[in-house]
Amino acid sequence: MNALEALILGIIQGLTEFLPVSSSGHLIIGRELLGIGTAENVTFEVVVHAATVLSTITVLWKEIVQLFTRFFKFQWNEETQYICKILVSMIPVLIVGLFFKDSVEQLFGEGLVLVGICLLVTALLLSLTQIVRFRENKPLNFGRALLIGCAQAVAVLPGLSRSGSTIATGLLSGVRKEEVAQFSFLMVIIPILGEAFLSIVGGECSFAQCGIPVTSLIVGFLAAYVSGVFACKFMIRLVKKANLIWFALYCAIIGIIAICFGAC
């Protein structure tokens, strides 16, 4: 992987991690177009996912500091409850990641046809937020946090957008628009870091043996970080307007194209 390829894939990851169009699906499409091998892909994904985590922390650092400052007062305040809701939302993806990840990968794989189908499902979910008349201003309680977490667990399938699934689920369950995007982005920090750690420990990710130059890894990291900061800020503003129909249209078009190319 040269620096230009790393730049392109880094930008793709940074934008699509937060935009509701599936980062995993777009990385697979980008890898197919650039002819990048699987071993390189795993290592590179760990690097760019770390960059998007840093993007989230950069954009929401005030909220994160406030949460932990109040949390360590060891009182059952709003911040402590919020952190507990994040932990509850992680239960489904933790179960899937620890016990069913290999089964899911073997059953579904990650071909372009699957990516295309999952992008169409993402398009449907995003469209429902514009079609269904849902009742807003419901509190983000533990039940809705768990429901959003289930959406995140299902989104392990490549092409099914994590942010799109969680944001759409939150909106359709009536959670306030102001809360949905922030919760969606904060709840994924620990699962992403945990998955990266397991990939390194399990030997799937090897910086020494992946064959990617250090300069390419740095370029990919910086590209994912900068584009991620932009996309995170953009989505937080956009979700407040609850206007996701254009992303639904985009996912539908890319999904159909991916299915056509994958079937050929």
Protein backbone atom coordinates (compact mmCIF):
# COMPACT_ATOMS: atom_id res chain seq x y z
CA MET A 1 0.00 0.00 0.00
CA ASN A 2 1.53 3.28 -1.08
CA ALA A 3 0.91 6.70 0.46
CA LEU A 4 -1.74 7.70 -2.11
CA GLU A 5 -3.75 4.53 -1.50
CA ALA A 6 -3.46 5.10 2.25
CA LEU A 7 -4.64 8.69 1.82
CA ILE A 8 -7.70 7.61 -0.18
CA LEU A 9 -8.67 4.81 2.20
CA GLY A 10 -8.00 7.00 5.24
CA ILE A 11 -10.36 9.69 3.94
CA ILE A 12 -12.97 7.04 3.14
CA GLN A 13 -12.75 5.62 6.66
CA GLY A 14 -12.83 8.99 8.37
CA LEU A 15 -15.88 10.19 6.46
CA THR A 16 -17.88 6.97 6.42
CA GLU A 17 -17.31 6.08 10.09
CA PHE A 18 -19.58 8.96 11.04
CA LEU A 19 -21.69 9.45 7.92
CA PRO A 20 -24.45 6.80 7.79
CA VAL A 21 -23.09 4.98 4.73
CA SER A 22 -20.98 2.12 6.26
CA SER A 23 -17.23 2.49 6.72
CA SER A 24 -16.61 -1.27 6.51
CA GLY A 25 -18.55 -1.53 3.26
CA HIS A 26 -16.73 1.40 1.68
CA LEU A 27 -13.35 0.08 2.80
CA ILE A 28 -14.13 -3.26 1.14
CA ILE A 29 -15.18 -1.47 -2.04
CA GLY A 30 -12.05 0.71 -1.90
CA ARG A 31 -9.84 -2.32 -1.29
CA GLU A 32 -11.38 -4.12 -4.26
CA LEU A 33 -10.84 -1.10 -6.53
CA LEU A 34 -7.24 -0.60 -5.38
CA GLY A 35 -6.38 -4.32 -5.26
CA ILE A 36 -5.17 -4.29 -1.66
CA GLY A 37 -4.70 -7.62 0.13
CA THR A 38 -6.59 -8.86 3.18
CA ALA A 39 -3.57 -8.82 5.54
CA GLU A 40 -2.88 -5.20 4.67
CA ASN A 41 -6.56 -4.42 5.13
CA VAL A 42 -6.73 -5.74 8.71
CA THR A 43 -3.65 -3.83 9.84
CA PHE A 44 -4.70 -0.68 8.09
CA GLU A 45 -8.22 -0.89 9.56
CA VAL A 46 -6.78 -0.99 13.08
CA VAL A 47 -4.80 2.20 12.36
CA VAL A 48 -7.65 4.15 10.77
CA HIS A 49 -10.17 3.01 13.38
CA ALA A 50 -7.84 4.32 16.07
CA ALA A 51 -7.80 7.61 14.16
CA THR A 52 -11.60 7.84 14.12
CA VAL A 53 -11.72 7.14 17.85
CA LEU A 54 -9.35 10.07 18.31
CA SER A 55 -11.63 12.14 16.05
CA THR A 56 -14.58 11.39 18.34
CA ILE A 57 -12.59 12.34 21.43
CA THR A 58 -11.43 15.57 19.74
CA VAL A 59 -14.95 16.68 18.82
CA LEU A 60 -16.66 15.58 22.04
CA TRP A 61 -13.83 16.14 24.51
CA LYS A 62 -15.79 18.62 26.63
CA GLU A 63 -18.67 16.18 27.01
CA ILE A 64 -16.28 13.31 27.77
CA VAL A 65 -14.41 15.32 30.43
CA GLN A 66 -17.70 16.36 32.04
CA LEU A 67 -18.96 12.78 32.05
CA PHE A 68 -15.91 11.37 33.78
CA THR A 69 -15.53 14.31 36.15
CA ARG A 70 -19.05 13.80 37.47
CA PHE A 71 -18.76 10.00 37.26
CA PHE A 72 -15.82 9.89 39.67
CA LYS A 73 -17.86 11.70 42.29
CA PHE A 74 -19.43 8.26 42.74
CA GLN A 75 -22.97 9.59 42.80
CA TRP A 76 -26.01 8.37 40.86
CA ASN A 77 -26.13 11.59 38.85
CA GLU A 78 -27.03 12.13 35.18
CA GLU A 79 -23.45 11.63 34.02
CA THR A 80 -23.06 8.34 35.91
CA GLN A 81 -26.35 7.13 34.46
CA TYR A 82 -25.23 8.16 30.96
CA ILE A 83 -22.00 6.19 31.23
CA CYS A 84 -23.97 3.19 32.51
CA LYS A 85 -26.29 3.49 29.49
CA ILE A 86 -23.23 3.40 27.22
CA LEU A 87 -22.04 0.26 29.01
CA VAL A 88 -25.49 -1.33 28.62
CA SER A 89 -25.48 -0.47 24.89
CA MET A 90 -22.20 -2.37 24.54
CA ILE A 91 -23.62 -5.68 25.80
CA PRO A 92 -25.04 -6.89 22.44
CA VAL A 93 -21.91 -6.10 20.41
CA LEU A 94 -19.75 -7.64 23.16
CA ILE A 95 -21.74 -10.88 22.95
CA VAL A 96 -21.56 -10.94 19.14
CA GLY A 97 -17.85 -10.06 19.11
CA LEU A 98 -16.80 -12.67 21.68
CA PHE A 99 -19.03 -15.59 20.71
CA PHE A 100 -20.36 -15.14 17.19
CA LYS A 101 -17.84 -13.06 15.21
CA ASP A 102 -16.18 -16.03 13.49
CA SER A 103 -19.55 -17.63 12.75
CA VAL A 104 -20.87 -14.42 11.21
CA GLU A 105 -17.75 -14.01 9.06
CA GLN A 106 -17.90 -17.62 7.87
CA LEU A 107 -21.63 -17.46 7.17
CA PHE A 108 -21.78 -14.12 5.39
CA GLY A 109 -18.20 -13.33 4.29
CA GLU A 110 -17.55 -9.83 2.98
CA GLY A 111 -18.11 -9.92 -0.79
CA LEU A 112 -19.46 -7.04 -2.82
CA VAL A 113 -22.90 -8.66 -3.12
CA LEU A 114 -23.27 -8.79 0.67
CA VAL A 115 -22.00 -5.21 0.98
CA GLY A 116 -24.55 -4.10 -1.61
CA ILE A 117 -27.46 -5.87 0.11
CA CYS A 118 -26.51 -4.38 3.50
CA LEU A 119 -26.21 -0.92 1.96
CA LEU A 120 -29.80 -1.33 0.68
CA VAL A 121 -30.87 -2.26 4.22
CA THR A 122 -29.09 0.86 5.49
CA ALA A 123 -30.96 2.91 2.88
CA LEU A 124 -34.25 1.45 4.11
CA LEU A 125 -33.49 2.28 7.74
CA LEU A 126 -32.53 5.86 6.89
CA SER A 127 -35.64 6.25 4.73
CA LEU A 128 -37.85 5.12 7.60
CA THR A 129 -36.65 8.07 9.70
CA GLN A 130 -38.23 10.34 7.07
CA ILE A 131 -41.38 8.26 6.47
CA VAL A 132 -42.43 6.94 9.87
CA ARG A 133 -44.17 9.42 12.14
CA PHE A 134 -42.33 8.74 15.36
CA ARG A 135 -43.00 10.48 18.65
CA GLU A 136 -40.02 12.57 19.69
CA ASN A 137 -38.64 13.81 22.99
CA LYS A 138 -38.58 10.46 24.74
CA PRO A 139 -35.76 10.10 27.27
CA LEU A 140 -32.72 7.96 26.50
CA ASN A 141 -33.44 5.33 29.11
CA PHE A 142 -31.67 2.01 29.61
CA GLY A 143 -34.17 0.13 27.44
CA ARG A 144 -33.63 2.42 24.46
CA ALA A 145 -29.87 2.36 25.04
CA LEU A 146 -29.98 -1.46 24.84
CA LEU A 147 -32.12 -1.27 21.69
CA ILE A 148 -29.59 1.06 20.05
CA GLY A 149 -26.86 -1.34 21.17
CA CYS A 150 -28.66 -4.21 19.41
CA ALA A 151 -28.63 -2.12 16.22
CA GLN A 152 -24.88 -1.67 16.64
CA ALA A 153 -24.40 -5.42 17.07
CA VAL A 154 -26.33 -6.20 13.88
CA ALA A 155 -24.17 -3.65 12.06
CA VAL A 156 -21.14 -5.95 12.27
CA LEU A 157 -22.20 -7.01 8.78
CA PRO A 158 -20.12 -5.15 6.17
CA GLY A 159 -22.23 -2.58 4.39
CA LEU A 160 -24.70 -2.16 7.22
CA SER A 161 -23.80 1.26 8.59
CA ARG A 162 -23.14 1.33 12.32
CA SER A 163 -23.84 5.03 12.68
CA GLY A 164 -26.80 4.78 10.30
CA SER A 165 -28.30 1.83 12.19
CA THR A 166 -27.83 3.31 15.65
CA ILE A 167 -28.96 6.82 14.73
CA ALA A 168 -31.99 5.53 12.81
CA THR A 169 -32.93 3.20 15.68
CA GLY A 170 -32.62 6.05 18.16
CA LEU A 171 -34.75 8.38 16.06
CA LEU A 172 -37.40 5.72 15.37
CA SER A 173 -37.63 4.95 19.09
CA GLY A 174 -38.33 8.63 19.71
CA VAL A 175 -35.08 9.68 21.41
CA ARG A 176 -34.42 13.38 21.16
CA LYS A 177 -32.47 14.30 18.03
CA GLU A 178 -29.96 16.27 20.12
CA GLU A 179 -28.97 13.13 22.01
CA VAL A 180 -28.94 10.48 19.29
CA ALA A 181 -25.78 11.37 17.35
CA GLN A 182 -23.66 12.08 20.42
CA PHE A 183 -24.69 8.81 22.07
CA SER A 184 -24.11 6.90 18.83
CA PHE A 185 -20.55 8.20 18.51
CA LEU A 186 -19.60 7.80 22.18
CA MET A 187 -20.95 4.25 22.51
CA VAL A 188 -18.59 2.91 19.84
CA ILE A 189 -15.28 4.08 21.33
CA ILE A 190 -14.70 1.09 23.62
CA PRO A 191 -15.89 -1.58 21.11
CA ILE A 192 -13.57 -0.20 18.40
CA LEU A 193 -10.60 -0.14 20.76
CA GLY A 194 -11.50 -3.60 22.04
CA GLU A 195 -11.73 -5.04 18.54
CA ALA A 196 -8.37 -3.49 17.63
CA PHE A 197 -6.81 -4.99 20.76
CA LEU A 198 -8.20 -8.45 19.96
CA SER A 199 -6.90 -8.20 16.37
CA ILE A 200 -3.41 -7.39 17.62
CA VAL A 201 -3.42 -10.07 20.33
CA GLY A 202 -4.91 -12.65 17.98
CA GLY A 203 -2.23 -12.04 15.36
CA GLU A 204 -4.62 -10.82 12.66
CA CYS A 205 -2.92 -7.44 12.81
CA SER A 206 0.86 -7.34 12.56
CA PHE A 207 2.57 -4.02 11.95
CA ALA A 208 5.91 -5.75 11.37
CA GLN A 209 4.64 -8.28 8.83
CA CYS A 210 1.83 -6.44 7.04
CA GLY A 211 4.18 -4.96 4.46
CA ILE A 212 2.77 -1.45 4.75
CA PRO A 213 5.41 1.33 4.93
CA VAL A 214 5.33 3.43 8.09
CA THR A 215 4.77 6.56 5.99
CA SER A 216 1.61 5.02 4.50
CA LEU A 217 0.29 4.14 7.95
CA ILE A 218 0.93 7.70 9.14
CA VAL A 219 -0.74 9.18 6.05
CA GLY A 220 -3.75 6.90 6.50
CA PHE A 221 -4.02 7.76 10.18
CA LEU A 222 -3.87 11.52 9.60
CA ALA A 223 -6.32 11.35 6.68
CA ALA A 224 -8.83 9.35 8.74
CA TYR A 225 -8.42 11.68 11.72
CA VAL A 226 -8.91 14.96 9.83
CA SER A 227 -11.81 13.71 7.71
CA GLY A 228 -13.30 12.07 10.81
CA VAL A 229 -13.32 15.34 12.75
CA PHE A 230 -15.13 17.01 9.87
CA ALA A 231 -17.67 14.18 9.46
CA CYS A 232 -18.37 13.91 13.19
CA LYS A 233 -19.16 17.63 13.52
CA PHE A 234 -21.24 17.53 10.34
CA MET A 235 -23.36 14.56 11.45
CA ILE A 236 -24.08 15.99 14.88
CA ARG A 237 -25.48 19.12 13.23
CA LEU A 238 -27.34 17.17 10.55
CA VAL A 239 -29.07 14.70 12.86
CA LYS A 240 -30.63 17.62 14.74
CA LYS A 241 -32.52 18.31 11.51
CA ALA A 242 -33.27 14.57 11.10
CA ASN A 243 -32.77 14.87 7.35
CA LEU A 244 -31.05 11.66 6.25
CA ILE A 245 -32.90 10.97 3.00
CA TRP A 246 -29.97 11.92 0.77
CA PHE A 247 -27.76 9.39 2.53
CA ALA A 248 -30.49 6.80 2.01
CA LEU A 249 -30.49 7.57 -1.72
CA TYR A 250 -26.69 7.37 -1.85
CA CYS A 251 -26.63 4.00 -0.05
CA ALA A 252 -29.28 2.64 -2.41
CA ILE A 253 -27.32 3.67 -5.51
CA ILE A 254 -23.96 2.37 -4.23
CA GLY A 255 -25.64 -0.79 -2.99
CA ILE A 256 -27.13 -1.56 -6.41
CA ILE A 257 -23.78 -0.88 -8.10
CA ALA A 258 -21.96 -3.13 -5.63
CA ILE A 259 -24.44 -5.96 -6.21
CA CYS A 260 -24.09 -5.64 -9.98
CA PHE A 261 -20.28 -5.68 -9.88
CA GLY A 262 -20.18 -8.48 -7.31
CA ALA A 263 -22.55 -10.66 -9.31
CA CYS A 264 -20.56 -10.28 -12.52
